[in-house]
Amino acid sequence: QVQLVESGGDLVQAGESLRLSCVGSGPSYNPSVMAWYRQVPGQERDFIAGIYVNGLTKYADSVKGRFTISKDRRMRTVYLQMDSLKPEDSAVYYCHAEQGPVQYWGKGTLVNVSS
């Protein structure tokens, strides 16, 4: 059974940095792309950053230049380095993985940025 487990969420002040991690596991786990999404209560879950197995990355405009997604060689762990955090970055951050037609989600980690 595939599992995605996020960690690294915390309460920080505006301007500070955080690094989120997502570890994927399971006997058949072999994703082609992993990504981070975030969701504020009452709002839709939004794409933040994604990385393909070949290293290609994509970012939402709202985080370009501040957030960096990276992975380990086998794409079992994905990181999200978040710099220059703003109060509007406060949300639950979810890890997402795609493997063919199958999608996996983690349970999320809370990031709270105070002004």
C-alpha atoms as a PDB file:
ATOM      1  CA  GLN A   1       0.000   0.000   0.000  1.00  0.00           C
ATOM      2  CA  VAL A   2       1.434   3.346  -1.051  1.00  0.00           C
ATOM      3  CA  GLN A   3       1.760   6.042   1.582  1.00  0.00           C
ATOM      4  CA  LEU A   4       2.866   9.661   1.390  1.00  0.00           C
ATOM      5  CA  VAL A   5       3.902  11.243   4.665  1.00  0.00           C
ATOM      6  CA  GLU A   6       4.576  14.962   4.948  1.00  0.00           C
ATOM      7  CA  SER A   7       6.561  16.681   7.668  1.00  0.00           C
ATOM      8  CA  GLY A   8       8.139  20.038   8.442  1.00  0.00           C
ATOM      9  CA  GLY A   9       5.113  22.244   8.937  1.00  0.00           C
ATOM     10  CA  ASP A  10       5.424  24.789  11.711  1.00  0.00           C
ATOM     11  CA  LEU A  11       4.497  28.240  12.983  1.00  0.00           C
ATOM     12  CA  VAL A  12       6.962  30.846  11.725  1.00  0.00           C
ATOM     13  CA  GLN A  13       7.147  34.589  11.296  1.00  0.00           C
ATOM     14  CA  ALA A  14       6.912  36.386   7.988  1.00  0.00           C
ATOM     15  CA  GLY A  15      10.232  36.423   6.167  1.00  0.00           C
ATOM     16  CA  GLU A  16      11.429  33.171   7.678  1.00  0.00           C
ATOM     17  CA  SER A  17      11.987  29.854   5.924  1.00  0.00           C
ATOM     18  CA  LEU A  18      10.694  26.308   6.234  1.00  0.00           C
ATOM     19  CA  ARG A  19      11.554  23.048   4.533  1.00  0.00           C
ATOM     20  CA  LEU A  20       8.818  20.492   4.007  1.00  0.00           C
ATOM     21  CA  SER A  21       9.515  16.853   3.289  1.00  0.00           C
ATOM     22  CA  CYS A  22       7.361  14.138   1.768  1.00  0.00           C
ATOM     23  CA  VAL A  23       8.366  10.496   1.924  1.00  0.00           C
ATOM     24  CA  GLY A  24       6.656   8.020  -0.359  1.00  0.00           C
ATOM     25  CA  SER A  25       6.669   4.303   0.374  1.00  0.00           C
ATOM     26  CA  GLY A  26       5.046   1.096  -0.739  1.00  0.00           C
ATOM     27  CA  PRO A  27       5.995  -2.081  -2.570  1.00  0.00           C
ATOM     28  CA  SER A  28       4.977  -0.713  -5.979  1.00  0.00           C
ATOM     29  CA  TYR A  29       5.693   2.942  -5.468  1.00  0.00           C
ATOM     30  CA  ASN A  30       7.307   4.413  -8.580  1.00  0.00           C
ATOM     31  CA  PRO A  31       5.880   7.852  -9.371  1.00  0.00           C
ATOM     32  CA  SER A  32       6.507   9.825 -12.537  1.00  0.00           C
ATOM     33  CA  VAL A  33       5.751  13.152 -10.915  1.00  0.00           C
ATOM     34  CA  MET A  34       5.420  14.505  -7.391  1.00  0.00           C
ATOM     35  CA  ALA A  35       3.996  17.817  -6.334  1.00  0.00           C
ATOM     36  CA  TRP A  36       2.980  20.045  -3.476  1.00  0.00           C
ATOM     37  CA  TYR A  37      -0.457  21.569  -3.116  1.00  0.00           C
ATOM     38  CA  ARG A  38      -1.875  23.756  -0.392  1.00  0.00           C
ATOM     39  CA  GLN A  39      -5.322  24.413   0.934  1.00  0.00           C
ATOM     40  CA  VAL A  40      -6.856  27.047   3.140  1.00  0.00           C
ATOM     41  CA  PRO A  41     -10.090  26.048   4.927  1.00  0.00           C
ATOM     42  CA  GLY A  42     -13.072  26.835   2.749  1.00  0.00           C
ATOM     43  CA  GLN A  43     -10.985  27.176  -0.395  1.00  0.00           C
ATOM     44  CA  GLU A  44      -9.863  24.864  -3.168  1.00  0.00           C
ATOM     45  CA  ARG A  45      -6.628  22.928  -3.017  1.00  0.00           C
ATOM     46  CA  ASP A  46      -4.100  24.781  -5.169  1.00  0.00           C
ATOM     47  CA  PHE A  47      -1.042  23.530  -7.017  1.00  0.00           C
ATOM     48  CA  ILE A  48       2.201  24.996  -5.685  1.00  0.00           C
ATOM     49  CA  ALA A  49       5.119  23.129  -7.224  1.00  0.00           C
ATOM     50  CA  GLY A  50       5.804  19.921  -9.109  1.00  0.00           C
ATOM     51  CA  ILE A  51       8.821  17.889 -10.136  1.00  0.00           C
ATOM     52  CA  TYR A  52       9.114  15.156 -12.727  1.00  0.00           C
ATOM     53  CA  VAL A  53      11.333  12.120 -12.565  1.00  0.00           C
ATOM     54  CA  ASN A  54      13.655  13.800 -15.095  1.00  0.00           C
ATOM     55  CA  GLY A  55      14.047  16.797 -12.805  1.00  0.00           C
ATOM     56  CA  LEU A  56      11.800  19.212 -14.667  1.00  0.00           C
ATOM     57  CA  THR A  57      10.058  21.553 -12.247  1.00  0.00           C
ATOM     58  CA  LYS A  58       6.990  23.770 -12.376  1.00  0.00           C
ATOM     59  CA  TYR A  59       5.775  26.430  -9.965  1.00  0.00           C
ATOM     60  CA  ALA A  60       2.679  28.461  -9.311  1.00  0.00           C
ATOM     61  CA  ASP A  61       3.233  32.154 -10.003  1.00  0.00           C
ATOM     62  CA  SER A  62       2.523  32.962  -6.368  1.00  0.00           C
ATOM     63  CA  VAL A  63       5.631  31.109  -5.171  1.00  0.00           C
ATOM     64  CA  LYS A  64       8.105  31.510  -8.041  1.00  0.00           C
ATOM     65  CA  GLY A  65      11.435  32.772  -6.782  1.00  0.00           C
ATOM     66  CA  ARG A  66      10.586  31.946  -3.152  1.00  0.00           C
ATOM     67  CA  PHE A  67       9.895  28.206  -3.129  1.00  0.00           C
ATOM     68  CA  THR A  68      12.085  25.421  -4.491  1.00  0.00           C
ATOM     69  CA  ILE A  69      11.050  21.836  -5.036  1.00  0.00           C
ATOM     70  CA  SER A  70      13.629  19.080  -5.135  1.00  0.00           C
ATOM     71  CA  LYS A  71      13.801  15.303  -4.905  1.00  0.00           C
ATOM     72  CA  ASP A  72      16.118  12.489  -4.085  1.00  0.00           C
ATOM     73  CA  ARG A  73      17.554  10.410  -6.886  1.00  0.00           C
ATOM     74  CA  ARG A  74      14.897   7.695  -6.693  1.00  0.00           C
ATOM     75  CA  MET A  75      12.005  10.155  -6.237  1.00  0.00           C
ATOM     76  CA  ARG A  76      11.062   8.576  -2.914  1.00  0.00           C
ATOM     77  CA  THR A  77      11.447  11.864  -1.043  1.00  0.00           C
ATOM     78  CA  VAL A  78      10.448  15.302  -2.238  1.00  0.00           C
ATOM     79  CA  TYR A  79      11.271  18.554  -0.517  1.00  0.00           C
ATOM     80  CA  LEU A  80       9.788  22.014  -0.621  1.00  0.00           C
ATOM     81  CA  GLN A  81      12.134  24.778   0.482  1.00  0.00           C
ATOM     82  CA  MET A  82      10.042  27.810   1.322  1.00  0.00           C
ATOM     83  CA  ASP A  83      11.845  31.129   1.740  1.00  0.00           C
ATOM     84  CA  SER A  84      10.586  34.645   2.393  1.00  0.00           C
ATOM     85  CA  LEU A  85       7.347  33.256   3.768  1.00  0.00           C
ATOM     86  CA  LYS A  86       4.300  35.488   3.830  1.00  0.00           C
ATOM     87  CA  PRO A  87       1.145  35.282   5.951  1.00  0.00           C
ATOM     88  CA  GLU A  88      -0.774  34.347   2.795  1.00  0.00           C
ATOM     89  CA  ASP A  89       1.363  31.200   2.538  1.00  0.00           C
ATOM     90  CA  SER A  90      -0.412  29.862   5.625  1.00  0.00           C
ATOM     91  CA  ALA A  91      -2.226  26.655   4.690  1.00  0.00           C
ATOM     92  CA  VAL A  92      -2.185  22.900   4.970  1.00  0.00           C
ATOM     93  CA  TYR A  93       0.413  21.624   2.512  1.00  0.00           C
ATOM     94  CA  TYR A  94      -0.262  18.316   0.796  1.00  0.00           C
ATOM     95  CA  CYS A  95       2.086  16.010  -1.049  1.00  0.00           C
ATOM     96  CA  HIS A  96       0.808  14.470  -4.281  1.00  0.00           C
ATOM     97  CA  ALA A  97       2.193  11.752  -6.520  1.00  0.00           C
ATOM     98  CA  GLU A  98       1.142  10.335  -9.856  1.00  0.00           C
ATOM     99  CA  GLN A  99       1.894   6.834 -11.049  1.00  0.00           C
ATOM    100  CA  GLY A 100       0.246   6.171 -14.383  1.00  0.00           C
ATOM    101  CA  PRO A 101      -3.474   6.813 -13.884  1.00  0.00           C
ATOM    102  CA  VAL A 102      -3.228   6.523 -10.101  1.00  0.00           C
ATOM    103  CA  GLN A 103      -2.915   9.526  -7.821  1.00  0.00           C
ATOM    104  CA  TYR A 104      -1.794   9.505  -4.210  1.00  0.00           C
ATOM    105  CA  TRP A 105      -2.184  12.148  -1.517  1.00  0.00           C
ATOM    106  CA  GLY A 106      -0.614  12.625   1.857  1.00  0.00           C
ATOM    107  CA  LYS A 107      -2.566  13.797   4.894  1.00  0.00           C
ATOM    108  CA  GLY A 108      -0.952  17.228   4.960  1.00  0.00           C
ATOM    109  CA  THR A 109       1.239  19.347   7.178  1.00  0.00           C
ATOM    110  CA  LEU A 110       0.224  22.726   8.576  1.00  0.00           C
ATOM    111  CA  VAL A 111       2.205  25.861   7.832  1.00  0.00           C
ATOM    112  CA  ASN A 112       1.271  28.985   9.740  1.00  0.00           C
ATOM    113  CA  VAL A 113       3.022  32.264   8.971  1.00  0.00           C
ATOM    114  CA  SER A 114       2.439  35.119  11.374  1.00  0.00           C
ATOM    115  CA  SER A 115       2.831  38.755  10.396  1.00  0.00           C
END
